[in-house]
Amino acid sequence: MNGNVNLQIIKSLEGDNQLSECTLFYQNTRPCIIVFQNAELGNHQFEGKDVFDGFCELRLFLEKKGWNILCNGARVDAYPSSMSRDMGGGMKLYHLQIGKRPQRSDLLRIFDKAEPNKIGTIEEQRLYYERWRASEKSE
């Protein structure tokens, strides 16, 4: 599946948020290709094993410049399952709640809009995922 989506990126500066528009073009193939276009940051191409992996490469680029992207793929409390990555190319992820096994109704599309208070860094997302996994094993 190939597509494009218009999103916002956000940069927090001393309590004030700066927003900018960007366009992502993606090819859900192996390897996945994501092309990022933004007036301020330019055009860049990222590659990954699947859409989520390529999206994480884009996020690393943005984080180094102080930006983050306002979509579900950048939510701290969202992460794709192995099956979602294998069968769907990482286009969907689960909204994770500590101590709770996700249901089909918890599936989110990676590029749907997310609020600024829901997003975080790749490291914050990874740490939340590890906390969630540990909470599942303790039940």
Protein backbone atom coordinates (compact mmCIF):
# COMPACT_ATOMS: atom_id res chain seq x y z
CA MET A 1 0.00 0.00 0.00
CA ASN A 2 1.29 3.43 -0.92
CA GLY A 3 -0.06 6.76 0.19
CA ASN A 4 0.49 10.24 1.44
CA VAL A 5 -0.70 12.18 4.45
CA ASN A 6 -0.52 15.78 5.64
CA LEU A 7 0.47 16.17 9.28
CA GLN A 8 1.73 18.75 11.73
CA ILE A 9 5.06 18.78 13.48
CA ILE A 10 5.57 20.57 16.79
CA LYS A 11 8.55 22.20 18.48
CA SER A 12 8.34 23.34 22.10
CA LEU A 13 10.22 26.55 22.82
CA GLU A 14 10.27 27.92 26.38
CA GLY A 15 6.65 27.03 27.08
CA ASP A 16 5.46 28.02 23.61
CA ASN A 17 4.72 25.58 20.80
CA GLN A 18 5.71 26.18 17.20
CA LEU A 19 3.69 24.23 14.61
CA SER A 20 4.56 23.49 11.01
CA GLU A 21 2.88 21.47 8.25
CA CYS A 22 4.53 18.50 6.58
CA THR A 23 3.64 15.86 4.00
CA LEU A 24 4.65 12.21 4.20
CA PHE A 25 4.69 9.94 1.19
CA TYR A 26 5.09 6.27 2.04
CA GLN A 27 5.54 2.95 0.28
CA ASN A 28 4.49 0.01 2.41
CA THR A 29 6.91 -2.38 0.75
CA ARG A 30 9.99 -4.16 2.05
CA PRO A 31 11.98 -2.08 2.60
CA CYS A 32 9.51 0.67 3.41
CA ILE A 33 10.27 4.16 2.12
CA ILE A 34 9.00 7.34 3.76
CA VAL A 35 9.56 10.73 2.14
CA PHE A 36 9.19 13.75 4.42
CA GLN A 37 8.54 17.22 2.98
CA ASN A 38 8.52 20.41 5.04
CA ALA A 39 9.18 24.03 4.07
CA GLU A 40 11.56 24.62 7.01
CA LEU A 41 13.34 21.27 7.25
CA GLY A 42 13.38 20.33 3.57
CA ASN A 43 12.80 16.99 1.84
CA HIS A 44 14.25 13.79 3.30
CA GLN A 45 13.86 10.09 2.66
CA PHE A 46 13.87 7.37 5.31
CA GLU A 47 13.90 3.60 5.00
CA GLY A 48 12.88 0.80 7.34
CA LYS A 49 11.82 -2.84 7.55
CA ASP A 50 8.19 -1.66 7.73
CA VAL A 51 6.26 1.62 7.99
CA PHE A 52 6.72 1.85 11.77
CA ASP A 53 10.48 1.28 11.47
CA GLY A 54 10.83 3.90 8.71
CA PHE A 55 8.65 6.27 10.72
CA CYS A 56 10.99 5.83 13.72
CA GLU A 57 13.92 6.84 11.47
CA LEU A 58 12.00 10.01 10.55
CA ARG A 59 11.27 10.66 14.23
CA LEU A 60 14.97 10.34 15.11
CA PHE A 61 15.74 12.97 12.48
CA LEU A 62 13.03 15.29 13.85
CA GLU A 63 14.02 14.76 17.50
CA LYS A 64 17.60 15.83 16.75
CA LYS A 65 16.18 19.12 15.47
CA GLY A 66 13.80 19.54 18.44
CA TRP A 67 10.62 18.56 16.57
CA ASN A 68 8.04 15.83 17.02
CA ILE A 69 5.18 14.73 14.81
CA LEU A 70 1.52 14.88 15.85
CA CYS A 71 0.22 11.42 14.99
CA ASN A 72 -0.50 8.11 16.69
CA GLY A 73 2.85 6.65 15.68
CA ALA A 74 4.50 9.14 18.06
CA ARG A 75 2.18 8.45 20.99
CA VAL A 76 4.02 7.30 24.09
CA ASP A 77 1.26 4.79 24.86
CA ALA A 78 1.06 3.19 21.40
CA TYR A 79 3.11 0.40 19.83
CA PRO A 80 2.60 -2.12 17.02
CA SER A 81 2.30 -5.84 17.69
CA SER A 82 4.49 -8.34 15.87
CA MET A 83 1.47 -9.50 13.87
CA SER A 84 0.58 -5.92 12.90
CA ARG A 85 4.11 -5.43 11.65
CA ASP A 86 4.30 -8.77 9.81
CA MET A 87 0.86 -8.72 8.21
CA GLY A 88 0.10 -5.00 7.97
CA GLY A 89 3.55 -3.54 7.45
CA GLY A 90 3.41 -1.55 10.70
CA MET A 91 0.50 0.65 9.58
CA LYS A 92 -1.47 0.02 12.78
CA LEU A 93 -0.51 -0.02 16.42
CA TYR A 94 -2.19 -0.63 19.72
CA HIS A 95 -3.15 1.90 22.36
CA LEU A 96 -1.54 0.25 25.39
CA GLN A 97 -2.75 0.55 28.96
CA ILE A 98 -0.56 -0.72 31.79
CA GLY A 99 -1.93 -4.01 33.15
CA LYS A 100 -4.41 -4.49 30.32
CA ARG A 101 -4.22 -6.70 27.24
CA PRO A 102 -5.17 -4.66 24.14
CA GLN A 103 -8.27 -5.54 22.16
CA ARG A 104 -9.07 -5.04 18.49
CA SER A 105 -10.90 -1.84 19.52
CA ASP A 106 -7.53 -0.48 20.77
CA LEU A 107 -6.03 -0.49 17.26
CA LEU A 108 -4.91 2.91 15.95
CA ARG A 109 -3.76 3.95 12.50
CA ILE A 110 -0.18 5.16 12.61
CA PHE A 111 -0.73 8.45 10.75
CA ASP A 112 -4.00 9.56 12.39
CA LYS A 113 -3.69 12.80 14.33
CA ALA A 114 -2.67 12.74 18.01
CA GLU A 115 -2.77 15.57 20.55
CA PRO A 116 0.53 17.12 21.72
CA ASN A 117 0.06 15.84 25.30
CA LYS A 118 -0.04 12.22 23.99
CA ILE A 119 3.22 12.22 22.03
CA GLY A 120 6.81 11.79 23.15
CA THR A 121 10.25 10.69 22.10
CA ILE A 122 11.14 7.28 20.74
CA GLU A 123 12.85 6.51 24.07
CA GLU A 124 9.73 7.46 26.07
CA GLN A 125 7.63 5.26 23.79
CA ARG A 126 10.05 2.34 24.17
CA LEU A 127 10.14 2.67 27.97
CA TYR A 128 6.33 2.76 28.18
CA TYR A 129 6.15 -0.34 25.97
CA GLU A 130 8.60 -2.16 28.28
CA ARG A 131 6.55 -1.14 31.35
CA TRP A 132 3.40 -2.42 29.63
CA ARG A 133 5.06 -5.75 28.75
CA ALA A 134 6.25 -6.19 32.34
CA SER A 135 2.73 -5.48 33.60
CA GLU A 136 1.35 -8.21 31.31
CA LYS A 137 3.83 -10.79 32.65
CA SER A 138 2.98 -10.02 36.27
CA GLU A 139 -0.68 -10.99 35.84
